[in-house]
Amino acid sequence: MLNKENILGIIANHQKEIEKLEKGLVEFPNVYTASAIHQRLSFLRDNLYKYEMQARAWKLID
């Protein structure tokens, strides 16, 4: 469950996974693998944006 105590950790985890997957795009030239990575990146970026907006609303980040 998302709350003030864990939102910053979730944001950090999403950012780490995004960075890892972006590096993986270079390593996996397979079309199907790249497509799966792009889908996961899209999901993570959408959630990251929502979590950052909520953290701003709670004044946990600028």
N, C-alpha and C. Protein backbone atom coordinates (compact mmCIF):
# COMPACT_ATOMS: atom_id res chain seq x y z
N MET A 1 0.84 -1.18 0.00
CA MET A 1 0.00 0.00 0.00
C MET A 1 0.88 1.24 0.00
N LEU A 2 0.50 2.20 -0.77
CA LEU A 2 1.24 3.44 -0.89
C LEU A 2 0.93 4.36 0.28
N ASN A 3 1.97 4.83 0.96
CA ASN A 3 1.78 5.79 2.03
C ASN A 3 3.02 6.68 2.15
N LYS A 4 2.97 7.63 3.05
CA LYS A 4 4.07 8.59 3.20
C LYS A 4 5.38 7.92 3.58
N GLU A 5 5.29 6.80 4.29
CA GLU A 5 6.49 6.14 4.76
C GLU A 5 7.24 5.37 3.66
N ASN A 6 6.52 4.89 2.65
CA ASN A 6 7.19 4.07 1.65
C ASN A 6 7.25 4.66 0.24
N ILE A 7 6.64 5.80 0.01
CA ILE A 7 6.58 6.34 -1.35
C ILE A 7 7.97 6.71 -1.89
N LEU A 8 8.83 7.26 -1.06
CA LEU A 8 10.16 7.64 -1.54
C LEU A 8 10.98 6.41 -1.91
N GLY A 9 10.82 5.33 -1.19
CA GLY A 9 11.49 4.08 -1.53
C GLY A 9 10.99 3.50 -2.84
N ILE A 10 9.69 3.59 -3.04
CA ILE A 10 9.11 3.10 -4.29
C ILE A 10 9.62 3.93 -5.47
N ILE A 11 9.69 5.23 -5.29
CA ILE A 11 10.20 6.11 -6.34
C ILE A 11 11.64 5.74 -6.67
N ALA A 12 12.47 5.54 -5.66
CA ALA A 12 13.87 5.18 -5.87
C ALA A 12 13.99 3.84 -6.59
N ASN A 13 13.17 2.87 -6.20
CA ASN A 13 13.21 1.56 -6.85
C ASN A 13 12.79 1.64 -8.32
N HIS A 14 11.79 2.44 -8.60
CA HIS A 14 11.36 2.62 -9.99
C HIS A 14 12.47 3.26 -10.81
N GLN A 15 13.13 4.27 -10.25
CA GLN A 15 14.20 4.93 -10.98
C GLN A 15 15.36 3.97 -11.26
N LYS A 16 15.70 3.14 -10.29
CA LYS A 16 16.78 2.16 -10.48
C LYS A 16 16.41 1.17 -11.58
N GLU A 17 15.18 0.68 -11.55
CA GLU A 17 14.77 -0.29 -12.56
C GLU A 17 14.73 0.33 -13.95
N ILE A 18 14.29 1.59 -14.04
CA ILE A 18 14.26 2.29 -15.33
C ILE A 18 15.68 2.40 -15.89
N GLU A 19 16.63 2.80 -15.05
CA GLU A 19 18.02 2.92 -15.50
C GLU A 19 18.56 1.58 -15.97
N LYS A 20 18.26 0.53 -15.23
CA LYS A 20 18.73 -0.81 -15.58
C LYS A 20 18.14 -1.27 -16.91
N LEU A 21 16.86 -1.03 -17.11
CA LEU A 21 16.22 -1.45 -18.36
C LEU A 21 16.71 -0.64 -19.55
N GLU A 22 16.97 0.65 -19.36
CA GLU A 22 17.48 1.47 -20.45
C GLU A 22 18.84 0.97 -20.91
N LYS A 23 19.66 0.54 -19.98
CA LYS A 23 20.96 -0.06 -20.34
C LYS A 23 20.75 -1.38 -21.06
N GLY A 24 19.72 -2.12 -20.65
CA GLY A 24 19.43 -3.40 -21.27
C GLY A 24 18.99 -3.29 -22.71
N LEU A 25 18.41 -2.18 -23.09
CA LEU A 25 17.98 -1.99 -24.48
C LEU A 25 19.15 -2.09 -25.44
N VAL A 26 20.31 -1.64 -25.01
CA VAL A 26 21.50 -1.68 -25.85
C VAL A 26 22.02 -3.11 -25.98
N GLU A 27 21.87 -3.87 -24.91
CA GLU A 27 22.42 -5.22 -24.87
C GLU A 27 21.55 -6.26 -25.59
N PHE A 28 20.27 -5.99 -25.77
CA PHE A 28 19.35 -6.97 -26.36
C PHE A 28 18.80 -6.46 -27.68
N PRO A 29 19.43 -6.83 -28.78
CA PRO A 29 18.95 -6.36 -30.09
C PRO A 29 17.69 -7.08 -30.57
N ASN A 30 17.27 -8.14 -29.89
CA ASN A 30 16.08 -8.89 -30.28
C ASN A 30 14.84 -8.00 -30.23
N VAL A 31 14.05 -8.03 -31.29
CA VAL A 31 12.87 -7.17 -31.41
C VAL A 31 11.86 -7.46 -30.30
N TYR A 32 11.64 -8.72 -30.00
CA TYR A 32 10.65 -9.09 -28.99
C TYR A 32 11.10 -8.67 -27.59
N THR A 33 12.36 -8.85 -27.32
CA THR A 33 12.90 -8.45 -26.02
C THR A 33 12.83 -6.93 -25.87
N ALA A 34 13.21 -6.22 -26.91
CA ALA A 34 13.16 -4.75 -26.87
C ALA A 34 11.73 -4.27 -26.67
N SER A 35 10.77 -4.93 -27.31
CA SER A 35 9.37 -4.55 -27.15
C SER A 35 8.91 -4.74 -25.71
N ALA A 36 9.28 -5.85 -25.11
CA ALA A 36 8.92 -6.11 -23.71
C ALA A 36 9.56 -5.08 -22.78
N ILE A 37 10.81 -4.74 -23.06
CA ILE A 37 11.49 -3.73 -22.24
C ILE A 37 10.81 -2.38 -22.38
N HIS A 38 10.43 -2.01 -23.59
CA HIS A 38 9.73 -0.73 -23.80
C HIS A 38 8.39 -0.70 -23.07
N GLN A 39 7.68 -1.80 -23.07
CA GLN A 39 6.40 -1.86 -22.36
C GLN A 39 6.61 -1.69 -20.85
N ARG A 40 7.62 -2.36 -20.32
CA ARG A 40 7.91 -2.24 -18.88
C ARG A 40 8.36 -0.82 -18.55
N LEU A 41 9.18 -0.23 -19.40
CA LEU A 41 9.61 1.16 -19.17
C LEU A 41 8.43 2.11 -19.17
N SER A 42 7.52 1.92 -20.08
CA SER A 42 6.33 2.76 -20.14
C SER A 42 5.53 2.65 -18.85
N PHE A 43 5.32 1.43 -18.38
CA PHE A 43 4.59 1.19 -17.13
C PHE A 43 5.30 1.87 -15.96
N LEU A 44 6.61 1.69 -15.86
CA LEU A 44 7.37 2.27 -14.75
C LEU A 44 7.36 3.79 -14.79
N ARG A 45 7.53 4.36 -15.96
CA ARG A 45 7.54 5.82 -16.09
C ARG A 45 6.19 6.42 -15.72
N ASP A 46 5.12 5.78 -16.14
CA ASP A 46 3.78 6.26 -15.78
C ASP A 46 3.58 6.23 -14.26
N ASN A 47 3.93 5.11 -13.65
CA ASN A 47 3.79 5.01 -12.21
C ASN A 47 4.72 5.96 -11.47
N LEU A 48 5.93 6.10 -11.97
CA LEU A 48 6.88 7.02 -11.34
C LEU A 48 6.32 8.44 -11.34
N TYR A 49 5.74 8.85 -12.44
CA TYR A 49 5.15 10.19 -12.52
C TYR A 49 4.04 10.35 -11.48
N LYS A 50 3.17 9.35 -11.38
CA LYS A 50 2.07 9.41 -10.42
C LYS A 50 2.59 9.46 -8.98
N TYR A 51 3.59 8.64 -8.69
CA TYR A 51 4.15 8.62 -7.33
C TYR A 51 4.85 9.93 -7.00
N GLU A 52 5.55 10.50 -7.98
CA GLU A 52 6.20 11.78 -7.73
C GLU A 52 5.18 12.89 -7.50
N MET A 53 4.09 12.86 -8.23
CA MET A 53 3.04 13.86 -8.03
C MET A 53 2.44 13.72 -6.62
N GLN A 54 2.22 12.49 -6.18
CA GLN A 54 1.67 12.27 -4.84
C GLN A 54 2.66 12.71 -3.77
N ALA A 55 3.94 12.42 -3.98
CA ALA A 55 4.96 12.84 -3.02
C ALA A 55 5.03 14.37 -2.94
N ARG A 56 4.86 15.02 -4.07
CA ARG A 56 4.82 16.50 -4.06
C ARG A 56 3.60 17.00 -3.30
N ALA A 57 2.49 16.35 -3.48
CA ALA A 57 1.27 16.74 -2.78
C ALA A 57 1.45 16.59 -1.27
N TRP A 58 2.18 15.58 -0.86
CA TRP A 58 2.47 15.37 0.56
C TRP A 58 3.67 16.20 1.02
N LYS A 59 4.24 16.98 0.08
CA LYS A 59 5.40 17.86 0.35
C LYS A 59 6.62 17.07 0.85
N LEU A 60 6.80 15.88 0.27
CA LEU A 60 7.96 15.06 0.61
C LEU A 60 9.13 15.34 -0.33
N ILE A 61 8.82 15.85 -1.54
CA ILE A 61 9.85 16.26 -2.50
C ILE A 61 9.44 17.61 -3.08
N ASP A 62 10.40 18.26 -3.72
CA ASP A 62 10.13 19.57 -4.34
C ASP A 62 9.59 19.41 -5.73
